[in-house]
Amino acid sequence: MRNALLVLLLVVSGCGAAKQKMASAPMAAAAASAPYQAPAPPPLERSVFARDPSGQLSEEMLQKILAAPIELDLPSRVGVLPILTATDWRGPSPDFDRVPPGVSPMVARLRKDAAFSLVTEMMPIPSGSLGMEALREAAARYRLRYVILYREVLAKKHHANKWAWGYATILGALFLPGAQHEVYGYIEATMFDVKTGLLMFTTRRAIMATKRDNEWHTDDKLAQLASNVVSKFSPDLAVDFLLDVRRFANAAVAENAQKGVPHQALIDVPPAGGPTVATD
């Protein structure tokens, strides 16, 4: 009797083990079929460029930049840095005689938006005189999170118009507007991330202006015409730039999602038209 009971217990336990094994098989198969999702790479916390004027970048660091998610942290402190075209053939040299006339109107418009907690003007530098790492150091002295690199590229020319026929008379040469003065080119603003040393985007606006005048003091009149046109349209460049800030943010959210970053985890931009933190 005892032997029969022992045999019965062994049979029952064997059946239970068989059922347990069969019941666990679908669970194991489901776990094996689930796709593995690698964790999202962290955002860049510092510049990976070489600490020299050339700012060289290794292949490994280049791939690291492309793989990292995009970060945009606003409102933040921002500086507007004018980039001057070097006129000396021997190369760029420090020259702070003038500030591009479009800087102040652009800064005034940027200060009306909630995207920036502070907008400050910075000292102009000749194009190419400093490496990007040196720009980061200058920005750090202002405690800036971002820098807007502002540049004016203009061509000036003048030629005779139909009024020039009056120059045959003495009085005509003195007063008639026989010269056509023209200024054309573009103004641009580039967003620079001080923390990582990356250029984020560039906004550019084409400009032009013409004026009829006499032949006296042509260089001064062309300079004044150029100043007037950039002062008029640099606020429009600021508006375009602010629109591009938010376009960049929307694109960054979509690209970060592909890398497995939670929605808007690294992107924070105040809505347009919201209350400003610091204004005039």
C-alpha atoms as a PDB file:
ATOM      1  CA  MET A   1       0.000   0.000   0.000  1.00  0.00           C
ATOM      2  CA  ARG A   2       2.800   2.371   0.911  1.00  0.00           C
ATOM      3  CA  ASN A   3       4.587   1.561  -2.353  1.00  0.00           C
ATOM      4  CA  ALA A   4       1.445   2.206  -4.369  1.00  0.00           C
ATOM      5  CA  LEU A   5       0.981   5.603  -2.696  1.00  0.00           C
ATOM      6  CA  LEU A   6       4.594   6.546  -3.433  1.00  0.00           C
ATOM      7  CA  VAL A   7       4.188   5.661  -7.104  1.00  0.00           C
ATOM      8  CA  LEU A   8       1.005   7.753  -7.285  1.00  0.00           C
ATOM      9  CA  LEU A   9       2.794  10.806  -5.809  1.00  0.00           C
ATOM     10  CA  LEU A  10       5.644  10.496  -8.294  1.00  0.00           C
ATOM     11  CA  VAL A  11       3.225  10.355 -11.220  1.00  0.00           C
ATOM     12  CA  VAL A  12       1.289  13.407 -10.015  1.00  0.00           C
ATOM     13  CA  SER A  13       4.443  15.460  -9.399  1.00  0.00           C
ATOM     14  CA  GLY A  14       5.782  14.483 -12.828  1.00  0.00           C
ATOM     15  CA  CYS A  15       2.618  15.652 -14.514  1.00  0.00           C
ATOM     16  CA  GLY A  16       2.790  18.937 -12.614  1.00  0.00           C
ATOM     17  CA  ALA A  17       6.379  19.467 -13.664  1.00  0.00           C
ATOM     18  CA  ALA A  18       5.473  18.775 -17.264  1.00  0.00           C
ATOM     19  CA  LYS A  19       2.633  21.266 -17.146  1.00  0.00           C
ATOM     20  CA  GLN A  20       4.873  23.858 -15.490  1.00  0.00           C
ATOM     21  CA  LYS A  21       7.467  23.449 -18.201  1.00  0.00           C
ATOM     22  CA  MET A  22       4.908  23.764 -20.986  1.00  0.00           C
ATOM     23  CA  ALA A  23       3.270  26.764 -19.331  1.00  0.00           C
ATOM     24  CA  SER A  24       6.575  28.640 -19.087  1.00  0.00           C
ATOM     25  CA  ALA A  25       7.541  28.007 -22.708  1.00  0.00           C
ATOM     26  CA  PRO A  26       5.295  30.722 -24.279  1.00  0.00           C
ATOM     27  CA  MET A  27       6.524  33.290 -21.745  1.00  0.00           C
ATOM     28  CA  ALA A  28      10.146  32.570 -22.615  1.00  0.00           C
ATOM     29  CA  ALA A  29       9.360  32.810 -26.324  1.00  0.00           C
ATOM     30  CA  ALA A  30       7.617  36.155 -25.840  1.00  0.00           C
ATOM     31  CA  ALA A  31      10.571  37.525 -23.900  1.00  0.00           C
ATOM     32  CA  ALA A  32      12.961  36.398 -26.604  1.00  0.00           C
ATOM     33  CA  SER A  33      10.891  38.014 -29.375  1.00  0.00           C
ATOM     34  CA  ALA A  34      10.701  41.458 -27.663  1.00  0.00           C
ATOM     35  CA  PRO A  35      13.052  43.934 -29.471  1.00  0.00           C
ATOM     36  CA  TYR A  36      15.954  45.250 -27.447  1.00  0.00           C
ATOM     37  CA  GLN A  37      16.101  49.030 -27.248  1.00  0.00           C
ATOM     38  CA  ALA A  38      19.484  50.471 -26.380  1.00  0.00           C
ATOM     39  CA  PRO A  39      19.469  53.347 -23.903  1.00  0.00           C
ATOM     40  CA  ALA A  40      19.586  56.822 -25.427  1.00  0.00           C
ATOM     41  CA  PRO A  41      23.067  58.368 -25.475  1.00  0.00           C
ATOM     42  CA  PRO A  42      23.582  61.290 -23.098  1.00  0.00           C
ATOM     43  CA  PRO A  43      23.695  64.854 -24.428  1.00  0.00           C
ATOM     44  CA  LEU A  44      27.040  66.573 -24.796  1.00  0.00           C
ATOM     45  CA  GLU A  45      28.127  68.170 -21.538  1.00  0.00           C
ATOM     46  CA  ARG A  46      31.248  69.900 -22.842  1.00  0.00           C
ATOM     47  CA  SER A  47      33.135  70.712 -26.029  1.00  0.00           C
ATOM     48  CA  VAL A  48      34.947  67.804 -27.668  1.00  0.00           C
ATOM     49  CA  PHE A  49      36.946  70.036 -30.024  1.00  0.00           C
ATOM     50  CA  ALA A  50      40.697  70.434 -29.595  1.00  0.00           C
ATOM     51  CA  ARG A  51      41.749  73.339 -27.388  1.00  0.00           C
ATOM     52  CA  ASP A  52      43.588  75.207 -30.116  1.00  0.00           C
ATOM     53  CA  PRO A  53      42.637  77.895 -32.677  1.00  0.00           C
ATOM     54  CA  SER A  54      41.985  75.303 -35.387  1.00  0.00           C
ATOM     55  CA  GLY A  55      39.604  73.334 -33.144  1.00  0.00           C
ATOM     56  CA  GLN A  56      40.408  69.998 -34.753  1.00  0.00           C
ATOM     57  CA  LEU A  57      38.026  67.086 -34.303  1.00  0.00           C
ATOM     58  CA  SER A  58      38.849  63.374 -34.316  1.00  0.00           C
ATOM     59  CA  GLU A  59      36.629  60.850 -36.105  1.00  0.00           C
ATOM     60  CA  GLU A  60      35.558  59.378 -32.773  1.00  0.00           C
ATOM     61  CA  MET A  61      34.476  62.756 -31.441  1.00  0.00           C
ATOM     62  CA  LEU A  62      32.723  63.599 -34.714  1.00  0.00           C
ATOM     63  CA  GLN A  63      30.624  60.455 -34.418  1.00  0.00           C
ATOM     64  CA  LYS A  64      29.932  61.263 -30.776  1.00  0.00           C
ATOM     65  CA  ILE A  65      28.531  64.665 -31.742  1.00  0.00           C
ATOM     66  CA  LEU A  66      26.254  63.162 -34.390  1.00  0.00           C
ATOM     67  CA  ALA A  67      24.998  60.434 -32.044  1.00  0.00           C
ATOM     68  CA  ALA A  68      24.272  62.705 -29.080  1.00  0.00           C
ATOM     69  CA  PRO A  69      20.755  64.106 -28.622  1.00  0.00           C
ATOM     70  CA  ILE A  70      20.203  67.833 -29.099  1.00  0.00           C
ATOM     71  CA  GLU A  71      19.801  70.148 -26.124  1.00  0.00           C
ATOM     72  CA  LEU A  72      18.208  73.608 -26.116  1.00  0.00           C
ATOM     73  CA  ASP A  73      17.754  75.280 -22.750  1.00  0.00           C
ATOM     74  CA  LEU A  74      15.803  78.558 -22.835  1.00  0.00           C
ATOM     75  CA  PRO A  75      15.319  81.156 -21.489  1.00  0.00           C
ATOM     76  CA  SER A  76      19.040  81.739 -21.075  1.00  0.00           C
ATOM     77  CA  ARG A  77      21.587  84.541 -21.187  1.00  0.00           C
ATOM     78  CA  VAL A  78      22.685  85.351 -24.730  1.00  0.00           C
ATOM     79  CA  GLY A  79      25.229  87.753 -26.228  1.00  0.00           C
ATOM     80  CA  VAL A  80      25.293  89.300 -29.702  1.00  0.00           C
ATOM     81  CA  LEU A  81      28.851  89.220 -31.042  1.00  0.00           C
ATOM     82  CA  PRO A  82      29.563  91.317 -34.171  1.00  0.00           C
ATOM     83  CA  ILE A  83      31.929  89.673 -36.655  1.00  0.00           C
ATOM     84  CA  LEU A  84      33.831  92.277 -38.693  1.00  0.00           C
ATOM     85  CA  THR A  85      35.367  91.582 -42.086  1.00  0.00           C
ATOM     86  CA  ALA A  86      39.139  91.980 -41.876  1.00  0.00           C
ATOM     87  CA  THR A  87      40.375  94.648 -44.294  1.00  0.00           C
ATOM     88  CA  ASP A  88      44.136  94.274 -43.741  1.00  0.00           C
ATOM     89  CA  TRP A  89      45.760  92.007 -46.330  1.00  0.00           C
ATOM     90  CA  ARG A  90      48.253  90.822 -43.706  1.00  0.00           C
ATOM     91  CA  GLY A  91      45.436  89.183 -41.776  1.00  0.00           C
ATOM     92  CA  PRO A  92      42.924  90.073 -39.080  1.00  0.00           C
ATOM     93  CA  SER A  93      43.974  92.411 -36.323  1.00  0.00           C
ATOM     94  CA  PRO A  94      42.091  93.865 -33.346  1.00  0.00           C
ATOM     95  CA  ASP A  95      40.114  96.884 -34.504  1.00  0.00           C
ATOM     96  CA  PHE A  96      37.272  98.204 -32.400  1.00  0.00           C
ATOM     97  CA  ASP A  97      36.803 101.524 -34.178  1.00  0.00           C
ATOM     98  CA  ARG A  98      33.226 100.753 -35.086  1.00  0.00           C
ATOM     99  CA  VAL A  99      30.311  98.528 -34.193  1.00  0.00           C
ATOM    100  CA  PRO A 100      28.095  97.357 -37.071  1.00  0.00           C
ATOM    101  CA  PRO A 101      25.026  99.622 -37.121  1.00  0.00           C
ATOM    102  CA  GLY A 102      22.597  96.716 -37.215  1.00  0.00           C
ATOM    103  CA  VAL A 103      23.601  95.345 -33.807  1.00  0.00           C
ATOM    104  CA  SER A 104      21.688  97.713 -31.525  1.00  0.00           C
ATOM    105  CA  PRO A 105      18.341  97.506 -33.387  1.00  0.00           C
ATOM    106  CA  MET A 106      18.612  93.718 -33.451  1.00  0.00           C
ATOM    107  CA  VAL A 107      19.381  93.527 -29.731  1.00  0.00           C
ATOM    108  CA  ALA A 108      16.417  95.790 -28.968  1.00  0.00           C
ATOM    109  CA  ARG A 109      14.095  93.417 -30.838  1.00  0.00           C
ATOM    110  CA  LEU A 110      15.520  90.263 -29.250  1.00  0.00           C
ATOM    111  CA  ARG A 111      14.936  91.724 -25.783  1.00  0.00           C
ATOM    112  CA  LYS A 112      11.192  91.747 -26.439  1.00  0.00           C
ATOM    113  CA  ASP A 113      11.008  87.948 -26.708  1.00  0.00           C
ATOM    114  CA  ALA A 114      10.667  85.469 -23.852  1.00  0.00           C
ATOM    115  CA  ALA A 115      13.326  83.150 -25.297  1.00  0.00           C
ATOM    116  CA  PHE A 116      16.185  84.998 -23.583  1.00  0.00           C
ATOM    117  CA  SER A 117      16.565  86.068 -19.966  1.00  0.00           C
ATOM    118  CA  LEU A 118      19.262  88.596 -20.912  1.00  0.00           C
ATOM    119  CA  VAL A 119      20.503  89.953 -24.251  1.00  0.00           C
ATOM    120  CA  THR A 120      23.802  91.825 -24.153  1.00  0.00           C
ATOM    121  CA  GLU A 121      26.055  93.313 -26.806  1.00  0.00           C
ATOM    122  CA  MET A 122      29.629  92.034 -26.973  1.00  0.00           C
ATOM    123  CA  MET A 123      32.830  93.625 -28.254  1.00  0.00           C
ATOM    124  CA  PRO A 124      33.282  93.176 -32.030  1.00  0.00           C
ATOM    125  CA  ILE A 125      36.074  90.950 -33.308  1.00  0.00           C
ATOM    126  CA  PRO A 126      37.675  90.662 -36.776  1.00  0.00           C
ATOM    127  CA  SER A 127      36.581  87.590 -38.704  1.00  0.00           C
ATOM    128  CA  GLY A 128      39.065  84.755 -38.198  1.00  0.00           C
ATOM    129  CA  SER A 129      41.058  86.456 -35.449  1.00  0.00           C
ATOM    130  CA  LEU A 130      39.857  84.061 -32.733  1.00  0.00           C
ATOM    131  CA  GLY A 131      39.200  80.330 -32.769  1.00  0.00           C
ATOM    132  CA  MET A 132      35.877  78.929 -31.631  1.00  0.00           C
ATOM    133  CA  GLU A 133      37.348  77.848 -28.301  1.00  0.00           C
ATOM    134  CA  ALA A 134      38.468  81.423 -27.664  1.00  0.00           C
ATOM    135  CA  LEU A 135      34.906  82.554 -28.359  1.00  0.00           C
ATOM    136  CA  ARG A 136      33.727  80.165 -25.653  1.00  0.00           C
ATOM    137  CA  GLU A 137      36.159  81.701 -23.184  1.00  0.00           C
ATOM    138  CA  ALA A 138      35.002  85.232 -24.036  1.00  0.00           C
ATOM    139  CA  ALA A 139      31.380  84.164 -23.610  1.00  0.00           C
ATOM    140  CA  ALA A 140      32.164  82.519 -20.282  1.00  0.00           C
ATOM    141  CA  ARG A 141      33.433  85.861 -18.956  1.00  0.00           C
ATOM    142  CA  TYR A 142      29.949  87.220 -19.654  1.00  0.00           C
ATOM    143  CA  ARG A 143      28.407  84.032 -18.148  1.00  0.00           C
ATOM    144  CA  LEU A 144      26.519  83.436 -21.392  1.00  0.00           C
ATOM    145  CA  ARG A 145      24.856  80.156 -22.352  1.00  0.00           C
ATOM    146  CA  TYR A 146      24.529  81.059 -26.040  1.00  0.00           C
ATOM    147  CA  VAL A 147      26.124  83.578 -28.402  1.00  0.00           C
ATOM    148  CA  ILE A 148      24.592  85.028 -31.560  1.00  0.00           C
ATOM    149  CA  LEU A 149      27.301  85.666 -34.159  1.00  0.00           C
ATOM    150  CA  TYR A 150      26.143  88.701 -36.159  1.00  0.00           C
ATOM    151  CA  ARG A 151      27.649  89.598 -39.541  1.00  0.00           C
ATOM    152  CA  GLU A 152      27.026  92.143 -42.293  1.00  0.00           C
ATOM    153  CA  VAL A 153      28.262  91.368 -45.817  1.00  0.00           C
ATOM    154  CA  LEU A 154      27.651  94.361 -48.089  1.00  0.00           C
ATOM    155  CA  ALA A 155      28.814  95.578 -51.482  1.00  0.00           C
ATOM    156  CA  LYS A 156      28.667  99.247 -52.469  1.00  0.00           C
ATOM    157  CA  LYS A 157      28.753 100.838 -55.894  1.00  0.00           C
ATOM    158  CA  HIS A 158      27.660 103.960 -57.703  1.00  0.00           C
ATOM    159  CA  HIS A 159      27.183 104.918 -61.325  1.00  0.00           C
ATOM    160  CA  ALA A 160      25.819 107.771 -63.387  1.00  0.00           C
ATOM    161  CA  ASN A 161      22.093 108.002 -64.120  1.00  0.00           C
ATOM    162  CA  LYS A 162      20.086 110.075 -66.592  1.00  0.00           C
ATOM    163  CA  TRP A 163      20.530 113.228 -64.499  1.00  0.00           C
ATOM    164  CA  ALA A 164      24.250 113.132 -65.289  1.00  0.00           C
ATOM    165  CA  TRP A 165      23.562 114.870 -68.608  1.00  0.00           C
ATOM    166  CA  GLY A 166      23.075 118.045 -66.603  1.00  0.00           C
ATOM    167  CA  TYR A 167      26.703 117.918 -65.505  1.00  0.00           C
ATOM    168  CA  ALA A 168      27.552 119.677 -68.749  1.00  0.00           C
ATOM    169  CA  THR A 169      26.551 122.858 -66.953  1.00  0.00           C
ATOM    170  CA  ILE A 170      28.439 124.109 -63.924  1.00  0.00           C
ATOM    171  CA  LEU A 171      25.333 124.371 -61.751  1.00  0.00           C
ATOM    172  CA  GLY A 172      24.222 120.885 -62.771  1.00  0.00           C
ATOM    173  CA  ALA A 173      27.465 119.366 -61.583  1.00  0.00           C
ATOM    174  CA  LEU A 174      26.961 120.991 -58.198  1.00  0.00           C
ATOM    175  CA  PHE A 175      23.346 120.089 -57.477  1.00  0.00           C
ATOM    176  CA  LEU A 176      21.807 117.537 -59.859  1.00  0.00           C
ATOM    177  CA  PRO A 177      21.398 113.932 -58.506  1.00  0.00           C
ATOM    178  CA  GLY A 178      23.371 112.392 -61.338  1.00  0.00           C
ATOM    179  CA  ALA A 179      24.854 109.523 -59.291  1.00  0.00           C
ATOM    180  CA  GLN A 180      23.003 106.310 -58.433  1.00  0.00           C
ATOM    181  CA  HIS A 181      24.239 104.909 -55.109  1.00  0.00           C
ATOM    182  CA  GLU A 182      23.575 101.223 -54.393  1.00  0.00           C
ATOM    183  CA  VAL A 183      24.164  98.960 -51.406  1.00  0.00           C
ATOM    184  CA  TYR A 184      23.322  95.243 -51.481  1.00  0.00           C
ATOM    185  CA  GLY A 185      24.254  92.053 -49.664  1.00  0.00           C
ATOM    186  CA  TYR A 186      22.987  90.210 -46.607  1.00  0.00           C
ATOM    187  CA  ILE A 187      22.955  90.216 -42.829  1.00  0.00           C
ATOM    188  CA  GLU A 188      23.087  86.995 -40.843  1.00  0.00           C
ATOM    189  CA  ALA A 189      22.876  85.637 -37.308  1.00  0.00           C
ATOM    190  CA  THR A 190      24.256  82.276 -36.160  1.00  0.00           C
ATOM    191  CA  MET A 191      23.326  80.543 -32.889  1.00  0.00           C
ATOM    192  CA  PHE A 192      26.421  79.279 -31.038  1.00  0.00           C
ATOM    193  CA  ASP A 193      26.249  76.876 -28.082  1.00  0.00           C
ATOM    194  CA  VAL A 194      28.892  77.976 -25.569  1.00  0.00           C
ATOM    195  CA  LYS A 195      28.742  74.749 -23.535  1.00  0.00           C
ATOM    196  CA  THR A 196      29.480  72.405 -26.436  1.00  0.00           C
ATOM    197  CA  GLY A 197      31.116  74.687 -29.017  1.00  0.00           C
ATOM    198  CA  LEU A 198      28.550  73.711 -31.667  1.00  0.00           C
ATOM    199  CA  LEU A 199      26.973  75.999 -34.255  1.00  0.00           C
ATOM    200  CA  MET A 200      23.229  75.377 -34.102  1.00  0.00           C
ATOM    201  CA  PHE A 201      21.760  77.223 -37.102  1.00  0.00           C
ATOM    202  CA  THR A 202      22.183  80.349 -39.249  1.00  0.00           C
ATOM    203  CA  THR A 203      19.503  82.861 -40.244  1.00  0.00           C
ATOM    204  CA  ARG A 204      20.204  85.110 -43.224  1.00  0.00           C
ATOM    205  CA  ARG A 205      18.299  88.011 -44.800  1.00  0.00           C
ATOM    206  CA  ALA A 206      19.107  89.679 -48.130  1.00  0.00           C
ATOM    207  CA  ILE A 207      19.023  93.484 -48.149  1.00  0.00           C
ATOM    208  CA  MET A 208      19.484  96.257 -50.691  1.00  0.00           C
ATOM    209  CA  ALA A 209      19.034 100.019 -50.962  1.00  0.00           C
ATOM    210  CA  THR A 210      19.402 102.624 -53.696  1.00  0.00           C
ATOM    211  CA  LYS A 211      19.507 106.411 -53.676  1.00  0.00           C
ATOM    212  CA  ARG A 212      19.996 109.159 -56.246  1.00  0.00           C
ATOM    213  CA  ASP A 213      22.354 111.927 -55.195  1.00  0.00           C
ATOM    214  CA  ASN A 214      25.076 114.220 -56.482  1.00  0.00           C
ATOM    215  CA  GLU A 215      28.715 113.277 -56.908  1.00  0.00           C
ATOM    216  CA  TRP A 216      30.017 114.965 -53.771  1.00  0.00           C
ATOM    217  CA  HIS A 217      31.341 112.882 -50.836  1.00  0.00           C
ATOM    218  CA  THR A 218      30.357 109.596 -52.454  1.00  0.00           C
ATOM    219  CA  ASP A 219      32.079 107.345 -49.900  1.00  0.00           C
ATOM    220  CA  ASP A 220      30.344 109.045 -46.986  1.00  0.00           C
ATOM    221  CA  LYS A 221      26.964 108.784 -48.687  1.00  0.00           C
ATOM    222  CA  LEU A 222      27.435 105.091 -49.448  1.00  0.00           C
ATOM    223  CA  ALA A 223      28.447 104.444 -45.842  1.00  0.00           C
ATOM    224  CA  GLN A 224      25.354 106.270 -44.599  1.00  0.00           C
ATOM    225  CA  LEU A 225      23.118 104.365 -47.012  1.00  0.00           C
ATOM    226  CA  ALA A 226      24.577 101.069 -45.775  1.00  0.00           C
ATOM    227  CA  SER A 227      24.051 102.098 -42.160  1.00  0.00           C
ATOM    228  CA  ASN A 228      20.442 103.048 -42.832  1.00  0.00           C
ATOM    229  CA  VAL A 229      19.539  99.820 -44.598  1.00  0.00           C
ATOM    230  CA  VAL A 230      21.023  97.462 -41.995  1.00  0.00           C
ATOM    231  CA  SER A 231      19.481  99.486 -39.157  1.00  0.00           C
ATOM    232  CA  LYS A 232      16.111  99.198 -40.866  1.00  0.00           C
ATOM    233  CA  PHE A 233      16.201  95.463 -41.540  1.00  0.00           C
ATOM    234  CA  SER A 234      18.175  94.022 -38.601  1.00  0.00           C
ATOM    235  CA  PRO A 235      14.990  93.923 -36.445  1.00  0.00           C
ATOM    236  CA  ASP A 236      13.424  91.819 -39.216  1.00  0.00           C
ATOM    237  CA  LEU A 237      16.445  89.522 -39.029  1.00  0.00           C
ATOM    238  CA  ALA A 238      15.802  89.222 -35.286  1.00  0.00           C
ATOM    239  CA  VAL A 239      12.208  88.151 -35.977  1.00  0.00           C
ATOM    240  CA  ASP A 240      13.408  85.563 -38.511  1.00  0.00           C
ATOM    241  CA  PHE A 241      15.994  84.353 -36.000  1.00  0.00           C
ATOM    242  CA  LEU A 242      13.401  83.881 -33.248  1.00  0.00           C
ATOM    243  CA  LEU A 243      11.217  81.892 -35.633  1.00  0.00           C
ATOM    244  CA  ASP A 244      14.209  79.701 -36.454  1.00  0.00           C
ATOM    245  CA  VAL A 245      14.862  79.138 -32.735  1.00  0.00           C
ATOM    246  CA  ARG A 246      11.449  77.521 -32.437  1.00  0.00           C
ATOM    247  CA  ARG A 247      11.807  75.635 -35.722  1.00  0.00           C
ATOM    248  CA  PHE A 248      15.099  74.280 -34.414  1.00  0.00           C
ATOM    249  CA  ALA A 249      13.373  73.242 -31.177  1.00  0.00           C
ATOM    250  CA  ASN A 250      10.631  71.356 -33.043  1.00  0.00           C
ATOM    251  CA  ALA A 251      13.189  69.582 -35.210  1.00  0.00           C
ATOM    252  CA  ALA A 252      15.282  68.694 -32.147  1.00  0.00           C
ATOM    253  CA  VAL A 253      12.273  67.122 -30.403  1.00  0.00           C
ATOM    254  CA  ALA A 254      11.615  64.902 -33.434  1.00  0.00           C
ATOM    255  CA  GLU A 255      15.274  63.904 -33.815  1.00  0.00           C
ATOM    256  CA  ASN A 256      15.679  63.192 -30.103  1.00  0.00           C
ATOM    257  CA  ALA A 257      12.612  60.939 -30.202  1.00  0.00           C
ATOM    258  CA  GLN A 258      14.356  58.788 -32.815  1.00  0.00           C
ATOM    259  CA  LYS A 259      17.223  58.350 -30.369  1.00  0.00           C
ATOM    260  CA  GLY A 260      14.848  57.258 -27.597  1.00  0.00           C
ATOM    261  CA  VAL A 261      14.876  60.527 -25.669  1.00  0.00           C
ATOM    262  CA  PRO A 262      11.553  61.306 -23.926  1.00  0.00           C
ATOM    263  CA  HIS A 263       9.453  64.006 -25.580  1.00  0.00           C
ATOM    264  CA  GLN A 264      10.892  67.460 -24.882  1.00  0.00           C
ATOM    265  CA  ALA A 265      13.200  66.094 -22.179  1.00  0.00           C
ATOM    266  CA  LEU A 266      16.117  68.245 -23.381  1.00  0.00           C
ATOM    267  CA  ILE A 267      14.194  70.992 -25.197  1.00  0.00           C
ATOM    268  CA  ASP A 268      12.708  73.921 -23.315  1.00  0.00           C
ATOM    269  CA  VAL A 269      11.675  77.062 -25.223  1.00  0.00           C
ATOM    270  CA  PRO A 270       9.144  79.637 -23.981  1.00  0.00           C
ATOM    271  CA  PRO A 271       6.283  80.257 -26.424  1.00  0.00           C
ATOM    272  CA  ALA A 272       6.452  83.265 -28.702  1.00  0.00           C
ATOM    273  CA  GLY A 273       4.671  86.286 -27.323  1.00  0.00           C
ATOM    274  CA  GLY A 274       5.044  85.156 -23.722  1.00  0.00           C
ATOM    275  CA  PRO A 275       6.176  87.410 -20.874  1.00  0.00           C
ATOM    276  CA  THR A 276       9.800  88.439 -21.078  1.00  0.00           C
ATOM    277  CA  VAL A 277      12.199  87.944 -18.200  1.00  0.00           C
ATOM    278  CA  ALA A 278      14.337  91.027 -18.836  1.00  0.00           C
ATOM    279  CA  THR A 279      13.520  93.918 -21.146  1.00  0.00           C
ATOM    280  CA  ASP A 280      14.428  97.537 -21.629  1.00  0.00           C
END
